[in-house]
PDB file of N, CA and C in Angstrom:
ATOM      1  N   MET A   1     -16.512 -12.136  -6.689  1.00  0.00           N
ATOM      2  CA  MET A   1     -16.030 -12.915  -7.418  1.00  0.00           C
ATOM      3  C   MET A   1     -14.960 -13.919  -6.843  1.00  0.00           C
ATOM      4  N   SER A   2     -15.175 -15.232  -7.116  1.00  0.00           N
ATOM      5  CA  SER A   2     -14.366 -16.154  -6.460  1.00  0.00           C
ATOM      6  C   SER A   2     -12.849 -16.181  -7.281  1.00  0.00           C
ATOM      7  N   VAL A   3     -12.008 -16.926  -6.534  1.00  0.00           N
ATOM      8  CA  VAL A   3     -10.685 -17.350  -7.548  1.00  0.00           C
ATOM      9  C   VAL A   3     -10.552 -18.866  -7.498  1.00  0.00           C
ATOM     10  N   ASN A   4     -10.259 -19.486  -8.608  1.00  0.00           N
ATOM     11  CA  ASN A   4      -9.851 -20.930  -8.337  1.00  0.00           C
ATOM     12  C   ASN A   4      -8.283 -21.227  -8.197  1.00  0.00           C
ATOM     13  N   VAL A   5      -8.092 -22.020  -7.705  1.00  0.00           N
ATOM     14  CA  VAL A   5      -6.520 -22.097  -7.258  1.00  0.00           C
ATOM     15  C   VAL A   5      -6.278 -23.605  -7.682  1.00  0.00           C
ATOM     16  N   ILE A   6      -4.894 -23.895  -8.523  1.00  0.00           N
ATOM     17  CA  ILE A   6      -4.916 -25.270  -8.906  1.00  0.00           C
ATOM     18  C   ILE A   6      -3.410 -25.647  -7.929  1.00  0.00           C
ATOM     19  N   PRO A   7      -3.627 -26.471  -7.177  1.00  0.00           N
ATOM     20  CA  PRO A   7      -2.612 -26.809  -6.007  1.00  0.00           C
ATOM     21  C   PRO A   7      -1.467 -27.501  -6.729  1.00  0.00           C
ATOM     22  N   PRO A   8      -0.393 -27.244  -6.251  1.00  0.00           N
ATOM     23  CA  PRO A   8       1.052 -28.050  -6.685  1.00  0.00           C
ATOM     24  C   PRO A   8       0.610 -29.521  -6.558  1.00  0.00           C
ATOM     25  N   LYS A   9       1.525 -30.185  -7.396  1.00  0.00           N
ATOM     26  CA  LYS A   9       1.348 -31.504  -7.422  1.00  0.00           C
ATOM     27  C   LYS A   9       2.000 -32.086  -6.192  1.00  0.00           C
ATOM     28  N   ASN A  10       3.143 -31.379  -5.800  1.00  0.00           N
ATOM     29  CA  ASN A  10       4.107 -32.339  -4.728  1.00  0.00           C
ATOM     30  C   ASN A  10       4.130 -31.085  -3.892  1.00  0.00           C
ATOM     31  N   VAL A  11       3.676 -31.565  -2.477  1.00  0.00           N
ATOM     32  CA  VAL A  11       3.609 -30.702  -1.236  1.00  0.00           C
ATOM     33  C   VAL A  11       4.359 -31.273  -0.427  1.00  0.00           C
ATOM     34  N   SER A  12       5.372 -30.660   0.301  1.00  0.00           N
ATOM     35  CA  SER A  12       6.297 -30.957   1.276  1.00  0.00           C
ATOM     36  C   SER A  12       5.812 -30.448   2.686  1.00  0.00           C
ATOM     37  N   THR A  13       5.714 -31.207   3.647  1.00  0.00           N
ATOM     38  CA  THR A  13       5.338 -30.725   5.125  1.00  0.00           C
ATOM     39  C   THR A  13       6.759 -30.348   5.855  1.00  0.00           C
ATOM     40  N   LEU A  14       6.897 -29.091   6.090  1.00  0.00           N
ATOM     41  CA  LEU A  14       8.273 -28.690   6.793  1.00  0.00           C
ATOM     42  C   LEU A  14       7.973 -28.252   8.199  1.00  0.00           C
ATOM     43  N   PHE A  15       8.505 -28.732   9.185  1.00  0.00           N
ATOM     44  CA  PHE A  15       8.061 -28.177  10.469  1.00  0.00           C
ATOM     45  C   PHE A  15       9.503 -27.125  11.076  1.00  0.00           C
ATOM     46  N   ILE A  16       9.205 -25.927  10.963  1.00  0.00           N
ATOM     47  CA  ILE A  16      10.124 -24.976  11.204  1.00  0.00           C
ATOM     48  C   ILE A  16       9.868 -24.170  12.585  1.00  0.00           C
ATOM     49  N   PHE A  17      10.926 -24.335  13.124  1.00  0.00           N
ATOM     50  CA  PHE A  17      11.178 -23.635  14.321  1.00  0.00           C
ATOM     51  C   PHE A  17      10.772 -22.185  14.278  1.00  0.00           C
ATOM     52  N   THR A  18      10.067 -21.764  15.369  1.00  0.00           N
ATOM     53  CA  THR A  18       9.706 -20.173  15.251  1.00  0.00           C
ATOM     54  C   THR A  18      10.666 -19.393  15.638  1.00  0.00           C
ATOM     55  N   GLU A  19      11.726 -20.125  16.779  1.00  0.00           N
ATOM     56  CA  GLU A  19      12.643 -19.052  17.469  1.00  0.00           C
ATOM     57  C   GLU A  19      14.053 -19.588  16.610  1.00  0.00           C
ATOM     58  N   ALA A  20      14.884 -18.415  16.225  1.00  0.00           N
ATOM     59  CA  ALA A  20      16.061 -18.565  15.373  1.00  0.00           C
ATOM     60  C   ALA A  20      17.106 -19.391  16.170  1.00  0.00           C
ATOM     61  N   GLY A  21      17.688 -20.208  15.561  1.00  0.00           N
ATOM     62  CA  GLY A  21      18.814 -20.830  16.147  1.00  0.00           C
ATOM     63  C   GLY A  21      18.343 -22.280  16.170  1.00  0.00           C
ATOM     64  N   PRO A  22      19.271 -23.105  16.549  1.00  0.00           N
ATOM     65  CA  PRO A  22      19.079 -24.646  16.923  1.00  0.00           C
ATOM     66  C   PRO A  22      18.105 -24.900  17.876  1.00  0.00           C
ATOM     67  N   PRO A  23      17.258 -26.057  17.909  1.00  0.00           N
ATOM     68  CA  PRO A  23      16.301 -26.685  18.768  1.00  0.00           C
ATOM     69  C   PRO A  23      17.049 -26.570  20.300  1.00  0.00           C
ATOM     70  N   LYS A  24      16.338 -26.078  21.302  1.00  0.00           N
ATOM     71  CA  LYS A  24      16.765 -26.267  22.779  1.00  0.00           C
ATOM     72  C   LYS A  24      16.863 -27.893  23.093  1.00  0.00           C
ATOM     73  N   GLN A  25      18.164 -27.996  23.599  1.00  0.00           N
ATOM     74  CA  GLN A  25      18.232 -29.367  24.023  1.00  0.00           C
ATOM     75  C   GLN A  25      17.249 -29.487  25.389  1.00  0.00           C
ATOM     76  N   ASN A  26      16.447 -30.823  25.375  1.00  0.00           N
ATOM     77  CA  ASN A  26      15.460 -30.781  26.393  1.00  0.00           C
ATOM     78  C   ASN A  26      14.769 -29.620  26.812  1.00  0.00           C
ATOM     79  N   GLY A  27      14.496 -28.621  25.646  1.00  0.00           N
ATOM     80  CA  GLY A  27      13.192 -27.523  25.839  1.00  0.00           C
ATOM     81  C   GLY A  27      12.145 -27.887  25.453  1.00  0.00           C
ATOM     82  N   SER A  28      11.274 -26.727  25.557  1.00  0.00           N
ATOM     83  CA  SER A  28       9.969 -26.724  24.992  1.00  0.00           C
ATOM     84  C   SER A  28      10.425 -26.361  23.577  1.00  0.00           C
ATOM     85  N   LEU A  29       9.712 -27.021  22.382  1.00  0.00           N
ATOM     86  CA  LEU A  29       9.791 -26.610  20.908  1.00  0.00           C
ATOM     87  C   LEU A  29       8.578 -25.828  20.430  1.00  0.00           C
ATOM     88  N   LYS A  30       9.068 -24.727  20.055  1.00  0.00           N
ATOM     89  CA  LYS A  30       8.079 -23.856  19.380  1.00  0.00           C
ATOM     90  C   LYS A  30       8.142 -23.930  17.973  1.00  0.00           C
ATOM     91  N   PHE A  31       7.256 -24.563  17.164  1.00  0.00           N
ATOM     92  CA  PHE A  31       7.461 -24.614  15.604  1.00  0.00           C
ATOM     93  C   PHE A  31       6.190 -24.541  14.953  1.00  0.00           C
ATOM     94  N   GLN A  32       6.239 -24.309  13.905  1.00  0.00           N
ATOM     95  CA  GLN A  32       5.077 -24.411  12.785  1.00  0.00           C
ATOM     96  C   GLN A  32       5.036 -25.193  11.831  1.00  0.00           C
ATOM     97  N   PRO A  33       4.083 -26.096  11.523  1.00  0.00           N
ATOM     98  CA  PRO A  33       4.115 -27.004  10.258  1.00  0.00           C
ATOM     99  C   PRO A  33       3.943 -25.802   9.087  1.00  0.00           C
ATOM    100  N   TRP A  34       4.537 -26.150   7.754  1.00  0.00           N
ATOM    101  CA  TRP A  34       4.177 -25.396   6.768  1.00  0.00           C
ATOM    102  C   TRP A  34       3.986 -26.524   5.377  1.00  0.00           C
ATOM    103  N   GLN A  35       2.982 -26.423   4.523  1.00  0.00           N
ATOM    104  CA  GLN A  35       2.748 -27.057   3.324  1.00  0.00           C
ATOM    105  C   GLN A  35       3.418 -26.327   2.385  1.00  0.00           C
ATOM    106  N   ILE A  36       4.393 -26.659   1.777  1.00  0.00           N
ATOM    107  CA  ILE A  36       5.137 -26.071   0.868  1.00  0.00           C
ATOM    108  C   ILE A  36       5.578 -26.795  -0.497  1.00  0.00           C
ATOM    109  N   ASP A  37       5.252 -26.033  -1.557  1.00  0.00           N
ATOM    110  CA  ASP A  37       5.250 -26.677  -3.101  1.00  0.00           C
ATOM    111  C   ASP A  37       6.631 -27.430  -3.068  1.00  0.00           C
ATOM    112  N   SER A  38       6.822 -28.512  -3.456  1.00  0.00           N
ATOM    113  CA  SER A  38       8.226 -28.979  -3.365  1.00  0.00           C
ATOM    114  C   SER A  38       9.275 -28.246  -4.660  1.00  0.00           C
ATOM    115  N   THR A  39       8.501 -27.471  -5.360  1.00  0.00           N
ATOM    116  CA  THR A  39       9.379 -26.714  -6.353  1.00  0.00           C
ATOM    117  C   THR A  39      10.170 -25.431  -5.841  1.00  0.00           C
ATOM    118  N   LYS A  40       9.505 -24.941  -4.544  1.00  0.00           N
ATOM    119  CA  LYS A  40       9.959 -23.850  -4.045  1.00  0.00           C
ATOM    120  C   LYS A  40      11.457 -23.821  -3.549  1.00  0.00           C
ATOM    121  N   THR A  41      12.199 -22.718  -3.363  1.00  0.00           N
ATOM    122  CA  THR A  41      13.551 -22.766  -3.069  1.00  0.00           C
ATOM    123  C   THR A  41      13.809 -22.558  -1.738  1.00  0.00           C
ATOM    124  N   VAL A  42      15.122 -22.843  -1.274  1.00  0.00           N
ATOM    125  CA  VAL A  42      15.416 -22.351  -0.095  1.00  0.00           C
ATOM    126  C   VAL A  42      15.445 -20.610   0.114  1.00  0.00           C
ATOM    127  N   GLN A  43      15.612 -20.274  -0.971  1.00  0.00           N
ATOM    128  CA  GLN A  43      15.575 -18.684  -1.049  1.00  0.00           C
ATOM    129  C   GLN A  43      14.183 -18.095  -0.837  1.00  0.00           C
ATOM    130  N   ASP A  44      13.340 -18.826  -1.530  1.00  0.00           N
ATOM    131  CA  ASP A  44      11.742 -18.588  -1.511  1.00  0.00           C
ATOM    132  C   ASP A  44      11.388 -18.721   0.152  1.00  0.00           C
ATOM    133  N   ILE A  45      11.815 -19.814   0.655  1.00  0.00           N
ATOM    134  CA  ILE A  45      11.272 -20.062   2.170  1.00  0.00           C
ATOM    135  C   ILE A  45      11.875 -18.873   3.164  1.00  0.00           C
ATOM    136  N   LEU A  46      13.080 -18.521   2.901  1.00  0.00           N
ATOM    137  CA  LEU A  46      13.700 -17.649   3.785  1.00  0.00           C
ATOM    138  C   LEU A  46      13.031 -16.312   3.463  1.00  0.00           C
ATOM    139  N   GLU A  47      12.886 -15.901   2.434  1.00  0.00           N
ATOM    140  CA  GLU A  47      12.009 -14.578   2.137  1.00  0.00           C
ATOM    141  C   GLU A  47      10.678 -14.470   2.469  1.00  0.00           C
ATOM    142  N   HIS A  48       9.955 -15.637   2.359  1.00  0.00           N
ATOM    143  CA  HIS A  48       8.608 -15.621   3.131  1.00  0.00           C
ATOM    144  C   HIS A  48       8.789 -15.396   4.612  1.00  0.00           C
ATOM    145  N   LEU A  49       9.884 -16.000   5.247  1.00  0.00           N
ATOM    146  CA  LEU A  49       9.832 -15.902   6.626  1.00  0.00           C
ATOM    147  C   LEU A  49      10.587 -14.681   7.035  1.00  0.00           C
ATOM    148  N   GLY A  50      10.865 -13.594   6.159  1.00  0.00           N
ATOM    149  CA  GLY A  50      11.288 -12.629   6.438  1.00  0.00           C
ATOM    150  C   GLY A  50      12.550 -12.405   6.593  1.00  0.00           C
ATOM    151  N   LYS A  51      13.567 -13.450   6.292  1.00  0.00           N
ATOM    152  CA  LYS A  51      15.116 -13.597   6.575  1.00  0.00           C
ATOM    153  C   LYS A  51      15.745 -13.903   5.230  1.00  0.00           C
ATOM    154  N   GLY A  52      15.338 -13.086   4.132  1.00  0.00           N
ATOM    155  CA  GLY A  52      15.845 -13.300   2.843  1.00  0.00           C
ATOM    156  C   GLY A  52      17.139 -12.134   2.722  1.00  0.00           C
ATOM    157  N   ASP A  53      17.971 -12.425   3.325  1.00  0.00           N
ATOM    158  CA  ASP A  53      19.257 -11.736   3.048  1.00  0.00           C
ATOM    159  C   ASP A  53      20.551 -12.629   3.383  1.00  0.00           C
ATOM    160  N   ASP A  54      21.603 -12.236   3.162  1.00  0.00           N
ATOM    161  CA  ASP A  54      22.776 -13.099   2.882  1.00  0.00           C
ATOM    162  C   ASP A  54      23.385 -13.681   4.384  1.00  0.00           C
ATOM    163  N   SER A  55      22.921 -13.105   5.490  1.00  0.00           N
ATOM    164  CA  SER A  55      23.478 -13.684   6.740  1.00  0.00           C
ATOM    165  C   SER A  55      22.557 -14.765   7.417  1.00  0.00           C
ATOM    166  N   TRP A  56      21.418 -15.235   6.685  1.00  0.00           N
ATOM    167  CA  TRP A  56      20.456 -16.165   6.978  1.00  0.00           C
ATOM    168  C   TRP A  56      20.865 -17.450   6.526  1.00  0.00           C
ATOM    169  N   SER A  57      20.453 -18.608   7.230  1.00  0.00           N
ATOM    170  CA  SER A  57      20.740 -19.754   6.720  1.00  0.00           C
ATOM    171  C   SER A  57      19.422 -20.775   6.999  1.00  0.00           C
ATOM    172  N   LEU A  58      19.103 -21.789   6.313  1.00  0.00           N
ATOM    173  CA  LEU A  58      18.049 -22.592   6.656  1.00  0.00           C
ATOM    174  C   LEU A  58      18.790 -24.089   7.073  1.00  0.00           C
ATOM    175  N   VAL A  59      18.546 -24.415   8.248  1.00  0.00           N
ATOM    176  CA  VAL A  59      19.336 -25.741   8.817  1.00  0.00           C
ATOM    177  C   VAL A  59      18.466 -26.668   9.083  1.00  0.00           C
ATOM    178  N   GLU A  60      18.640 -28.039   8.710  1.00  0.00           N
ATOM    179  CA  GLU A  60      17.760 -29.185   9.008  1.00  0.00           C
ATOM    180  C   GLU A  60      18.366 -29.838  10.103  1.00  0.00           C
ATOM    181  N   TYR A  61      17.362 -30.211  11.134  1.00  0.00           N
ATOM    182  CA  TYR A  61      17.864 -31.095  12.255  1.00  0.00           C
ATOM    183  C   TYR A  61      17.095 -32.460  12.297  1.00  0.00           C
ATOM    184  N   HIS A  62      17.804 -33.283  12.823  1.00  0.00           N
ATOM    185  CA  HIS A  62      17.185 -34.895  12.998  1.00  0.00           C
ATOM    186  C   HIS A  62      17.206 -34.959  14.426  1.00  0.00           C
ATOM    187  N   GLU A  63      15.870 -35.569  14.652  1.00  0.00           N
ATOM    188  CA  GLU A  63      15.376 -35.738  15.982  1.00  0.00           C
ATOM    189  C   GLU A  63      16.010 -37.255  16.330  1.00  0.00           C
ATOM    190  N   LEU A  64      16.958 -37.017  17.426  1.00  0.00           N
ATOM    191  CA  LEU A  64      17.405 -38.327  17.902  1.00  0.00           C
ATOM    192  C   LEU A  64      16.561 -39.113  18.879  1.00  0.00           C
ATOM    193  N   GLY A  65      15.673 -38.275  19.799  1.00  0.00           N
ATOM    194  CA  GLY A  65      14.928 -38.816  21.009  1.00  0.00           C
ATOM    195  C   GLY A  65      15.539 -38.300  22.155  1.00  0.00           C
ATOM    196  N   ASP A  66      14.804 -38.131  23.371  1.00  0.00           N
ATOM    197  CA  ASP A  66      15.171 -37.727  24.433  1.00  0.00           C
ATOM    198  C   ASP A  66      15.592 -36.363  24.469  1.00  0.00           C
ATOM    199  N   GLY A  67      14.903 -35.622  23.477  1.00  0.00           N
ATOM    200  CA  GLY A  67      15.190 -34.138  23.319  1.00  0.00           C
ATOM    201  C   GLY A  67      16.598 -33.734  22.908  1.00  0.00           C
ATOM    202  N   ASN A  68      17.223 -34.874  22.138  1.00  0.00           N
ATOM    203  CA  ASN A  68      18.526 -34.644  21.506  1.00  0.00           C
ATOM    204  C   ASN A  68      18.220 -34.463  19.852  1.00  0.00           C
ATOM    205  N   TRP A  69      19.118 -33.533  19.564  1.00  0.00           N
ATOM    206  CA  TRP A  69      19.105 -33.337  17.960  1.00  0.00           C
ATOM    207  C   TRP A  69      20.373 -33.306  17.373  1.00  0.00           C
ATOM    208  N   ASP A  70      20.537 -33.733  15.967  1.00  0.00           N
ATOM    209  CA  ASP A  70      21.787 -33.931  15.398  1.00  0.00           C
ATOM    210  C   ASP A  70      21.320 -32.758  14.296  1.00  0.00           C
ATOM    211  N   GLN A  71      22.513 -31.875  14.080  1.00  0.00           N
ATOM    212  CA  GLN A  71      22.642 -30.884  12.947  1.00  0.00           C
ATOM    213  C   GLN A  71      22.641 -31.731  11.426  1.00  0.00           C
ATOM    214  N   GLY A  72      22.122 -31.212  10.431  1.00  0.00           N
ATOM    215  CA  GLY A  72      21.969 -32.077   9.251  1.00  0.00           C
ATOM    216  C   GLY A  72      22.454 -31.100   8.164  1.00  0.00           C
ATOM    217  N   THR A  73      21.681 -30.859   6.955  1.00  0.00           N
ATOM    218  CA  THR A  73      22.103 -29.908   5.829  1.00  0.00           C
ATOM    219  C   THR A  73      21.908 -28.464   6.289  1.00  0.00           C
ATOM    220  N   THR A  74      22.870 -27.672   5.932  1.00  0.00           N
ATOM    221  CA  THR A  74      22.748 -26.047   6.035  1.00  0.00           C
ATOM    222  C   THR A  74      22.665 -25.623   4.692  1.00  0.00           C
ATOM    223  N   VAL A  75      22.022 -24.610   4.200  1.00  0.00           N
ATOM    224  CA  VAL A  75      22.111 -23.993   3.102  1.00  0.00           C
ATOM    225  C   VAL A  75      21.769 -22.562   3.390  1.00  0.00           C
ATOM    226  N   GLY A  76      22.600 -21.646   3.220  1.00  0.00           N
ATOM    227  CA  GLY A  76      22.716 -20.256   3.367  1.00  0.00           C
ATOM    228  C   GLY A  76      22.235 -19.592   2.281  1.00  0.00           C
ATOM    229  N   TYR A  77      21.291 -18.482   2.461  1.00  0.00           N
ATOM    230  CA  TYR A  77      20.655 -17.671   1.562  1.00  0.00           C
ATOM    231  C   TYR A  77      21.425 -17.376   0.306  1.00  0.00           C
ATOM    232  N   LYS A  78      22.909 -16.973   0.672  1.00  0.00           N
ATOM    233  CA  LYS A  78      23.748 -16.821  -0.475  1.00  0.00           C
ATOM    234  C   LYS A  78      24.327 -17.793  -1.281  1.00  0.00           C
ATOM    235  N   ASP A  79      24.021 -18.955  -0.828  1.00  0.00           N
ATOM    236  CA  ASP A  79      24.881 -20.434  -1.342  1.00  0.00           C
ATOM    237  C   ASP A  79      23.830 -20.363  -2.762  1.00  0.00           C
ATOM    238  N   GLU A  80      24.842 -21.081  -3.795  1.00  0.00           N
ATOM    239  CA  GLU A  80      24.374 -21.202  -5.162  1.00  0.00           C
ATOM    240  C   GLU A  80      22.993 -22.411  -5.004  1.00  0.00           C
ATOM    241  N   ARG A  81      23.190 -23.249  -3.879  1.00  0.00           N
ATOM    242  CA  ARG A  81      22.398 -24.328  -3.755  1.00  0.00           C
ATOM    243  C   ARG A  81      21.160 -23.904  -3.293  1.00  0.00           C
ATOM    244  N   ALA A  82      20.852 -22.706  -2.802  1.00  0.00           N
ATOM    245  CA  ALA A  82      19.848 -22.136  -2.316  1.00  0.00           C
ATOM    246  C   ALA A  82      18.861 -21.705  -3.473  1.00  0.00           C
ATOM    247  N   LYS A  83      19.023 -21.664  -4.552  1.00  0.00           N
ATOM    248  CA  LYS A  83      18.342 -21.576  -5.725  1.00  0.00           C
ATOM    249  C   LYS A  83      17.674 -22.756  -6.207  1.00  0.00           C
ATOM    250  N   LYS A  84      18.055 -23.911  -5.732  1.00  0.00           N
ATOM    251  CA  LYS A  84      17.499 -25.127  -5.943  1.00  0.00           C
ATOM    252  C   LYS A  84      16.243 -25.549  -5.094  1.00  0.00           C
ATOM    253  N   SER A  85      15.551 -26.517  -5.859  1.00  0.00           N
ATOM    254  CA  SER A  85      14.198 -26.945  -5.272  1.00  0.00           C
ATOM    255  C   SER A  85      14.300 -27.281  -3.941  1.00  0.00           C
ATOM    256  N   ILE A  86      13.471 -27.507  -2.899  1.00  0.00           N
ATOM    257  CA  ILE A  86      13.845 -28.133  -1.506  1.00  0.00           C
ATOM    258  C   ILE A  86      13.730 -29.461  -1.880  1.00  0.00           C
ATOM    259  N   SER A  87      13.063 -30.118  -2.979  1.00  0.00           N
ATOM    260  CA  SER A  87      13.200 -31.397  -2.992  1.00  0.00           C
ATOM    261  C   SER A  87      14.610 -31.860  -3.351  1.00  0.00           C
ATOM    262  N   THR A  88      15.267 -30.948  -3.830  1.00  0.00           N
ATOM    263  CA  THR A  88      16.742 -31.466  -4.139  1.00  0.00           C
ATOM    264  C   THR A  88      17.590 -31.901  -2.734  1.00  0.00           C
ATOM    265  N   PHE A  89      16.985 -31.472  -1.795  1.00  0.00           N
ATOM    266  CA  PHE A  89      17.636 -31.835  -0.153  1.00  0.00           C
ATOM    267  C   PHE A  89      16.886 -32.799   0.413  1.00  0.00           C
ATOM    268  N   GLY A  90      16.084 -33.483  -0.450  1.00  0.00           N
ATOM    269  CA  GLY A  90      15.289 -34.617   0.109  1.00  0.00           C
ATOM    270  C   GLY A  90      14.300 -34.262   0.885  1.00  0.00           C
ATOM    271  N   TRP A  91      13.503 -32.856   0.912  1.00  0.00           N
ATOM    272  CA  TRP A  91      12.731 -32.462   1.476  1.00  0.00           C
ATOM    273  C   TRP A  91      11.466 -32.450   0.644  1.00  0.00           C
ATOM    274  N   THR A  92      11.014 -33.740   0.505  1.00  0.00           N
ATOM    275  CA  THR A  92       9.888 -34.223  -0.422  1.00  0.00           C
ATOM    276  C   THR A  92       8.743 -34.682   0.407  1.00  0.00           C
ATOM    277  N   PRO A  93       7.576 -34.825  -0.440  1.00  0.00           N
ATOM    278  CA  PRO A  93       6.532 -35.280   0.269  1.00  0.00           C
ATOM    279  C   PRO A  93       6.489 -36.488   1.155  1.00  0.00           C
ATOM    280  N   LYS A  94       7.311 -37.248   0.784  1.00  0.00           N
ATOM    281  CA  LYS A  94       7.638 -38.710   1.264  1.00  0.00           C
ATOM    282  C   LYS A  94       8.183 -38.410   3.127  1.00  0.00           C
ATOM    283  N   ARG A  95       8.557 -37.264   3.112  1.00  0.00           N
ATOM    284  CA  ARG A  95       9.058 -36.980   4.609  1.00  0.00           C
ATOM    285  C   ARG A  95       7.834 -36.894   5.670  1.00  0.00           C
ATOM    286  N   GLY A  96       7.969 -37.553   6.794  1.00  0.00           N
ATOM    287  CA  GLY A  96       6.934 -37.475   7.506  1.00  0.00           C
ATOM    288  C   GLY A  96       5.799 -38.272   7.662  1.00  0.00           C
ATOM    289  N   GLY A  97       5.996 -39.137   6.408  1.00  0.00           N
ATOM    290  CA  GLY A  97       5.227 -40.473   6.049  1.00  0.00           C
ATOM    291  C   GLY A  97       6.086 -41.555   6.406  1.00  0.00           C
ATOM    292  N   LEU A  98       6.471 -41.738   4.879  1.00  0.00           N
ATOM    293  CA  LEU A  98       7.394 -43.179   5.054  1.00  0.00           C
ATOM    294  C   LEU A  98       9.048 -42.724   5.378  1.00  0.00           C
ATOM    295  N   LEU A  99       9.343 -41.219   5.504  1.00  0.00           N
ATOM    296  CA  LEU A  99      10.413 -41.105   6.033  1.00  0.00           C
ATOM    297  C   LEU A  99      10.307 -40.193   7.175  1.00  0.00           C
ATOM    298  N   PRO A 100      11.465 -39.865   8.052  1.00  0.00           N
ATOM    299  CA  PRO A 100      11.269 -39.075   8.981  1.00  0.00           C
ATOM    300  C   PRO A 100      10.856 -37.503   8.784  1.00  0.00           C
ATOM    301  N   PRO A 101      10.087 -36.887   9.502  1.00  0.00           N
ATOM    302  CA  PRO A 101       9.658 -35.474   9.081  1.00  0.00           C
ATOM    303  C   PRO A 101      11.108 -34.451   8.986  1.00  0.00           C
ATOM    304  N   VAL A 102      10.566 -33.305   8.420  1.00  0.00           N
ATOM    305  CA  VAL A 102      11.709 -32.330   8.056  1.00  0.00           C
ATOM    306  C   VAL A 102      11.587 -31.231   9.125  1.00  0.00           C
ATOM    307  N   TRP A 103      12.653 -31.241   9.836  1.00  0.00           N
ATOM    308  CA  TRP A 103      12.795 -30.293  10.957  1.00  0.00           C
ATOM    309  C   TRP A 103      13.576 -29.179  10.692  1.00  0.00           C
ATOM    310  N   LEU A 104      13.278 -27.756  10.629  1.00  0.00           N
ATOM    311  CA  LEU A 104      14.186 -26.766  10.178  1.00  0.00           C
ATOM    312  C   LEU A 104      14.205 -25.765  10.946  1.00  0.00           C
ATOM    313  N   ALA A 105      15.314 -25.082  10.976  1.00  0.00           N
ATOM    314  CA  ALA A 105      15.728 -23.771  11.845  1.00  0.00           C
ATOM    315  C   ALA A 105      16.300 -22.872  11.146  1.00  0.00           C
ATOM    316  N   THR A 106      15.991 -21.455  11.341  1.00  0.00           N
ATOM    317  CA  THR A 106      16.554 -20.447  10.572  1.00  0.00           C
ATOM    318  C   THR A 106      17.672 -20.064  11.657  1.00  0.00           C
ATOM    319  N   GLU A 107      18.968 -19.740  10.978  1.00  0.00           N
ATOM    320  CA  GLU A 107      19.996 -19.257  11.906  1.00  0.00           C
ATOM    321  C   GLU A 107      20.809 -18.418  11.236  1.00  0.00           C
ATOM    322  N   LYS A 108      21.537 -17.466  12.042  1.00  0.00           N
ATOM    323  CA  LYS A 108      22.325 -16.329  11.414  1.00  0.00           C
ATOM    324  C   LYS A 108      23.627 -17.030  11.273  1.00  0.00           C
ATOM    325  N   GLU A 109      24.395 -16.791  10.087  1.00  0.00           N
ATOM    326  CA  GLU A 109      25.735 -17.134   9.829  1.00  0.00           C
ATOM    327  C   GLU A 109      26.719 -16.467  10.584  1.00  0.00           C
TER     328      GLU A 109
END
């Protein structure tokens, strides 16, 4: 028996670093690209990554070039904002196309 799936209308591509903490300056980057329904929440993502407790946050980083990064939005698992959709933070399907990609790291508070 096969299963039919109706894919979500809006899917965001998020590049999530596989090592906890900020990206290493001038180091090798280990990450995985994820296609995520834009209605998912930060809590959903952290739970899926096995980091669904109050001590973890999802942190956006902006690539500056030459191995340099600037920290952007931080959303902790326990934050009220973590219950909002990822599109609330601008992590929409336009990112990585018309707009810069979304680079995220998991970090302990």
